[in-house]
C-alpha atoms as a PDB file:
ATOM      1  CA  UNK A   1      20.849  26.906  18.354  1.00  0.00           C
ATOM      2  CA  UNK A   2      17.342  27.016  16.719  1.00  0.00           C
ATOM      3  CA  UNK A   3      16.343  24.622  14.242  1.00  0.00           C
ATOM      4  CA  UNK A   4      15.840  26.210  10.814  1.00  0.00           C
ATOM      5  CA  UNK A   5      12.716  24.859   8.948  1.00  0.00           C
ATOM      6  CA  UNK A   6      12.695  25.208   5.137  1.00  0.00           C
ATOM      7  CA  UNK A   7      10.035  27.350   3.739  1.00  0.00           C
ATOM      8  CA  UNK A   8       7.355  25.512   1.803  1.00  0.00           C
ATOM      9  CA  UNK A   9       7.704  25.528  -1.868  1.00  0.00           C
ATOM     10  CA  UNK A  10       4.765  26.792  -3.923  1.00  0.00           C
ATOM     11  CA  UNK A  11       4.119  24.313  -6.910  1.00  0.00           C
ATOM     12  CA  UNK A  12       2.482  26.980  -9.075  1.00  0.00           C
ATOM     13  CA  UNK A  13       4.356  30.089 -10.219  1.00  0.00           C
ATOM     14  CA  UNK A  14       3.027  33.312  -8.809  1.00  0.00           C
ATOM     15  CA  UNK A  15       0.998  35.607 -11.023  1.00  0.00           C
ATOM     16  CA  UNK A  16       2.853  38.555 -12.547  1.00  0.00           C
ATOM     17  CA  UNK A  17       2.977  41.642 -10.465  1.00  0.00           C
ATOM     18  CA  UNK A  18       1.134  44.458 -12.082  1.00  0.00           C
ATOM     19  CA  UNK A  19      -0.156  44.718 -15.595  1.00  0.00           C
ATOM     20  CA  UNK A  20       2.064  43.866 -18.525  1.00  0.00           C
ATOM     21  CA  UNK A  21       2.713  46.767 -21.082  1.00  0.00           C
ATOM     22  CA  UNK A  22       0.922  44.979 -23.705  1.00  0.00           C
ATOM     23  CA  UNK A  23      -2.298  44.869 -21.569  1.00  0.00           C
ATOM     24  CA  UNK A  24      -2.056  48.598 -20.863  1.00  0.00           C
ATOM     25  CA  UNK A  25      -1.441  49.462 -24.535  1.00  0.00           C
ATOM     26  CA  UNK A  26      -4.154  47.124 -25.739  1.00  0.00           C
ATOM     27  CA  UNK A  27      -6.580  48.773 -23.168  1.00  0.00           C
ATOM     28  CA  UNK A  28      -5.821  52.191 -24.482  1.00  0.00           C
ATOM     29  CA  UNK A  29      -5.969  51.229 -28.066  1.00  0.00           C
ATOM     30  CA  UNK A  30      -9.504  50.013 -27.324  1.00  0.00           C
ATOM     31  CA  UNK A  31     -10.265  53.047 -25.380  1.00  0.00           C
ATOM     32  CA  UNK A  32      -9.311  55.269 -28.295  1.00  0.00           C
ATOM     33  CA  UNK A  33     -11.078  53.194 -30.827  1.00  0.00           C
ATOM     34  CA  UNK A  34     -14.476  53.241 -29.122  1.00  0.00           C
ATOM     35  CA  UNK A  35     -15.451  56.932 -29.636  1.00  0.00           C
ATOM     36  CA  UNK A  36     -14.174  56.601 -33.387  1.00  0.00           C
ATOM     37  CA  UNK A  37     -16.263  53.604 -33.906  1.00  0.00           C
ATOM     38  CA  UNK A  38     -19.252  55.304 -32.283  1.00  0.00           C
ATOM     39  CA  UNK A  39     -18.663  58.449 -34.331  1.00  0.00           C
ATOM     40  CA  UNK A  40     -18.511  56.310 -37.647  1.00  0.00           C
ATOM     41  CA  UNK A  41     -21.703  54.549 -36.783  1.00  0.00           C
ATOM     42  CA  UNK A  42     -23.529  57.814 -36.189  1.00  0.00           C
ATOM     43  CA  UNK A  43     -22.177  59.217 -39.403  1.00  0.00           C
ATOM     44  CA  UNK A  44     -23.199  56.020 -41.235  1.00  0.00           C
ATOM     45  CA  UNK A  45     -26.688  56.096 -39.769  1.00  0.00           C
ATOM     46  CA  UNK A  46     -27.366  59.811 -40.307  1.00  0.00           C
ATOM     47  CA  UNK A  47     -25.853  60.145 -43.703  1.00  0.00           C
ATOM     48  CA  UNK A  48     -27.541  57.140 -45.247  1.00  0.00           C
ATOM     49  CA  UNK A  49     -29.427  57.850 -48.343  1.00  0.00           C
ATOM     50  CA  UNK A  50     -33.076  58.561 -47.996  1.00  0.00           C
ATOM     51  CA  UNK A  51     -34.925  55.408 -47.096  1.00  0.00           C
ATOM     52  CA  UNK A  52     -38.327  54.667 -45.921  1.00  0.00           C
ATOM     53  CA  UNK A  53     -37.174  54.761 -42.198  1.00  0.00           C
ATOM     54  CA  UNK A  54     -38.232  57.583 -39.909  1.00  0.00           C
ATOM     55  CA  UNK A  55     -36.117  59.686 -37.408  1.00  0.00           C
ATOM     56  CA  UNK A  56     -37.503  57.628 -34.666  1.00  0.00           C
ATOM     57  CA  UNK A  57     -35.719  54.479 -36.246  1.00  0.00           C
ATOM     58  CA  UNK A  58     -32.430  56.402 -36.426  1.00  0.00           C
ATOM     59  CA  UNK A  59     -32.767  57.559 -32.877  1.00  0.00           C
ATOM     60  CA  UNK A  60     -33.331  54.074 -31.647  1.00  0.00           C
ATOM     61  CA  UNK A  61     -30.398  52.896 -33.733  1.00  0.00           C
ATOM     62  CA  UNK A  62     -28.144  55.416 -32.143  1.00  0.00           C
ATOM     63  CA  UNK A  63     -29.373  54.690 -28.638  1.00  0.00           C
ATOM     64  CA  UNK A  64     -28.756  50.935 -29.051  1.00  0.00           C
ATOM     65  CA  UNK A  65     -25.207  51.687 -30.257  1.00  0.00           C
ATOM     66  CA  UNK A  66     -24.677  53.732 -27.105  1.00  0.00           C
ATOM     67  CA  UNK A  67     -25.978  50.884 -25.060  1.00  0.00           C
ATOM     68  CA  UNK A  68     -23.539  48.452 -26.751  1.00  0.00           C
ATOM     69  CA  UNK A  69     -20.741  50.898 -26.271  1.00  0.00           C
ATOM     70  CA  UNK A  70     -21.583  51.025 -22.560  1.00  0.00           C
ATOM     71  CA  UNK A  71     -21.398  47.275 -22.326  1.00  0.00           C
ATOM     72  CA  UNK A  72     -18.201  47.283 -24.148  1.00  0.00           C
ATOM     73  CA  UNK A  73     -16.600  49.825 -21.930  1.00  0.00           C
ATOM     74  CA  UNK A  74     -17.828  47.685 -18.974  1.00  0.00           C
ATOM     75  CA  UNK A  75     -16.040  44.622 -20.404  1.00  0.00           C
ATOM     76  CA  UNK A  76     -12.915  46.849 -21.015  1.00  0.00           C
ATOM     77  CA  UNK A  77     -12.699  47.754 -17.489  1.00  0.00           C
ATOM     78  CA  UNK A  78     -13.220  44.161 -16.438  1.00  0.00           C
ATOM     79  CA  UNK A  79     -10.368  43.259 -18.808  1.00  0.00           C
ATOM     80  CA  UNK A  80      -8.215  45.896 -17.033  1.00  0.00           C
ATOM     81  CA  UNK A  81      -8.612  43.925 -13.829  1.00  0.00           C
ATOM     82  CA  UNK A  82      -7.624  40.663 -15.414  1.00  0.00           C
ATOM     83  CA  UNK A  83     -10.860  38.844 -16.370  1.00  0.00           C
ATOM     84  CA  UNK A  84     -10.183  36.436 -19.137  1.00  0.00           C
ATOM     85  CA  UNK A  85     -13.713  36.042 -20.185  1.00  0.00           C
ATOM     86  CA  UNK A  86     -13.897  39.745 -20.778  1.00  0.00           C
ATOM     87  CA  UNK A  87     -11.028  39.461 -23.158  1.00  0.00           C
ATOM     88  CA  UNK A  88     -12.710  36.686 -24.921  1.00  0.00           C
ATOM     89  CA  UNK A  89     -16.033  38.769 -25.335  1.00  0.00           C
ATOM     90  CA  UNK A  90     -14.042  41.798 -26.465  1.00  0.00           C
ATOM     91  CA  UNK A  91     -12.354  39.662 -29.094  1.00  0.00           C
ATOM     92  CA  UNK A  92     -15.646  38.585 -30.485  1.00  0.00           C
ATOM     93  CA  UNK A  93     -16.738  42.006 -30.486  1.00  0.00           C
ATOM     94  CA  UNK A  94     -13.646  43.118 -32.145  1.00  0.00           C
ATOM     95  CA  UNK A  95     -14.091  40.545 -35.061  1.00  0.00           C
ATOM     96  CA  UNK A  96     -17.750  41.784 -35.475  1.00  0.00           C
ATOM     97  CA  UNK A  97     -16.812  45.570 -35.382  1.00  0.00           C
ATOM     98  CA  UNK A  98     -14.111  45.177 -37.911  1.00  0.00           C
ATOM     99  CA  UNK A  99     -16.227  43.182 -40.313  1.00  0.00           C
ATOM    100  CA  UNK A 100     -19.009  45.785 -39.927  1.00  0.00           C
ATOM    101  CA  UNK A 101     -16.784  48.786 -40.466  1.00  0.00           C
ATOM    102  CA  UNK A 102     -14.879  47.470 -43.291  1.00  0.00           C
ATOM    103  CA  UNK A 103     -18.046  46.200 -45.243  1.00  0.00           C
ATOM    104  CA  UNK A 104     -19.754  49.466 -44.665  1.00  0.00           C
ATOM    105  CA  UNK A 105     -16.927  51.296 -46.227  1.00  0.00           C
ATOM    106  CA  UNK A 106     -18.091  50.167 -49.587  1.00  0.00           C
ATOM    107  CA  UNK A 107     -21.724  51.171 -49.279  1.00  0.00           C
ATOM    108  CA  UNK A 108     -22.491  53.778 -52.038  1.00  0.00           C
ATOM    109  CA  UNK A 109     -24.638  56.862 -51.614  1.00  0.00           C
ATOM    110  CA  UNK A 110     -22.930  59.000 -49.031  1.00  0.00           C
ATOM    111  CA  UNK A 111     -22.166  62.663 -49.504  1.00  0.00           C
ATOM    112  CA  UNK A 112     -18.448  63.319 -49.976  1.00  0.00           C
ATOM    113  CA  UNK A 113     -17.942  64.829 -46.508  1.00  0.00           C
ATOM    114  CA  UNK A 114     -19.709  62.039 -44.809  1.00  0.00           C
ATOM    115  CA  UNK A 115     -17.832  59.472 -46.783  1.00  0.00           C
ATOM    116  CA  UNK A 116     -14.466  60.847 -45.724  1.00  0.00           C
ATOM    117  CA  UNK A 117     -15.475  61.196 -42.068  1.00  0.00           C
ATOM    118  CA  UNK A 118     -16.718  57.590 -41.991  1.00  0.00           C
ATOM    119  CA  UNK A 119     -13.769  56.201 -43.840  1.00  0.00           C
ATOM    120  CA  UNK A 120     -11.471  57.977 -41.413  1.00  0.00           C
ATOM    121  CA  UNK A 121     -13.357  56.705 -38.428  1.00  0.00           C
ATOM    122  CA  UNK A 122     -13.683  53.122 -39.775  1.00  0.00           C
ATOM    123  CA  UNK A 123     -10.155  52.663 -40.817  1.00  0.00           C
ATOM    124  CA  UNK A 124      -8.503  54.118 -37.963  1.00  0.00           C
ATOM    125  CA  UNK A 125     -10.844  52.491 -35.476  1.00  0.00           C
ATOM    126  CA  UNK A 126     -10.434  49.118 -37.130  1.00  0.00           C
ATOM    127  CA  UNK A 127      -6.635  49.309 -37.008  1.00  0.00           C
ATOM    128  CA  UNK A 128      -6.729  50.356 -33.340  1.00  0.00           C
ATOM    129  CA  UNK A 129      -9.278  47.576 -32.494  1.00  0.00           C
ATOM    130  CA  UNK A 130      -7.176  44.855 -34.336  1.00  0.00           C
ATOM    131  CA  UNK A 131      -3.900  46.112 -32.752  1.00  0.00           C
ATOM    132  CA  UNK A 132      -5.398  46.162 -29.207  1.00  0.00           C
ATOM    133  CA  UNK A 133      -6.927  42.664 -29.751  1.00  0.00           C
ATOM    134  CA  UNK A 134      -3.521  41.347 -30.881  1.00  0.00           C
ATOM    135  CA  UNK A 135      -1.742  42.873 -27.926  1.00  0.00           C
ATOM    136  CA  UNK A 136      -4.276  41.310 -25.474  1.00  0.00           C
ATOM    137  CA  UNK A 137      -3.452  37.791 -26.840  1.00  0.00           C
ATOM    138  CA  UNK A 138       0.449  37.909 -26.590  1.00  0.00           C
ATOM    139  CA  UNK A 139       2.077  35.435 -24.188  1.00  0.00           C
ATOM    140  CA  UNK A 140       2.778  38.271 -21.483  1.00  0.00           C
ATOM    141  CA  UNK A 141      -0.860  39.360 -21.587  1.00  0.00           C
ATOM    142  CA  UNK A 142      -2.157  35.712 -21.570  1.00  0.00           C
ATOM    143  CA  UNK A 143      -0.388  35.057 -18.265  1.00  0.00           C
ATOM    144  CA  UNK A 144      -1.949  38.170 -16.769  1.00  0.00           C
ATOM    145  CA  UNK A 145      -5.565  37.064 -17.438  1.00  0.00           C
ATOM    146  CA  UNK A 146      -6.173  34.718 -14.486  1.00  0.00           C
ATOM    147  CA  UNK A 147      -9.767  35.388 -13.326  1.00  0.00           C
END
């Protein structure tokens, strides 16, 4: 008769298999919010009342927003793969984005169509970002971020 050796016991619990539903939902909420926020920013930039800024300044402003969006999308894909620091950076970006969007709602001087377009983009985008950020900090999601 062969001797049976007990299997070693792992003192640390195993990481969850697969992504929790909260991470998947939070990711998609962020992914839907990003084009809305970019659209709102473009509407806000191009519909501002006449100032002393030139078209070059507006073009550079839009290009900077596209660069920031590309960086945020990169962090979003890193978050998808379980990087905790990407979640932290996106959380900071969420706070900054929501504050910017909400405070820009009350800027006077937009045409009626631009004001409605910006309000829709800002309100829906802010709600989606806040909801996605909340879902990424729930206990099941927190256990997923191990890198």
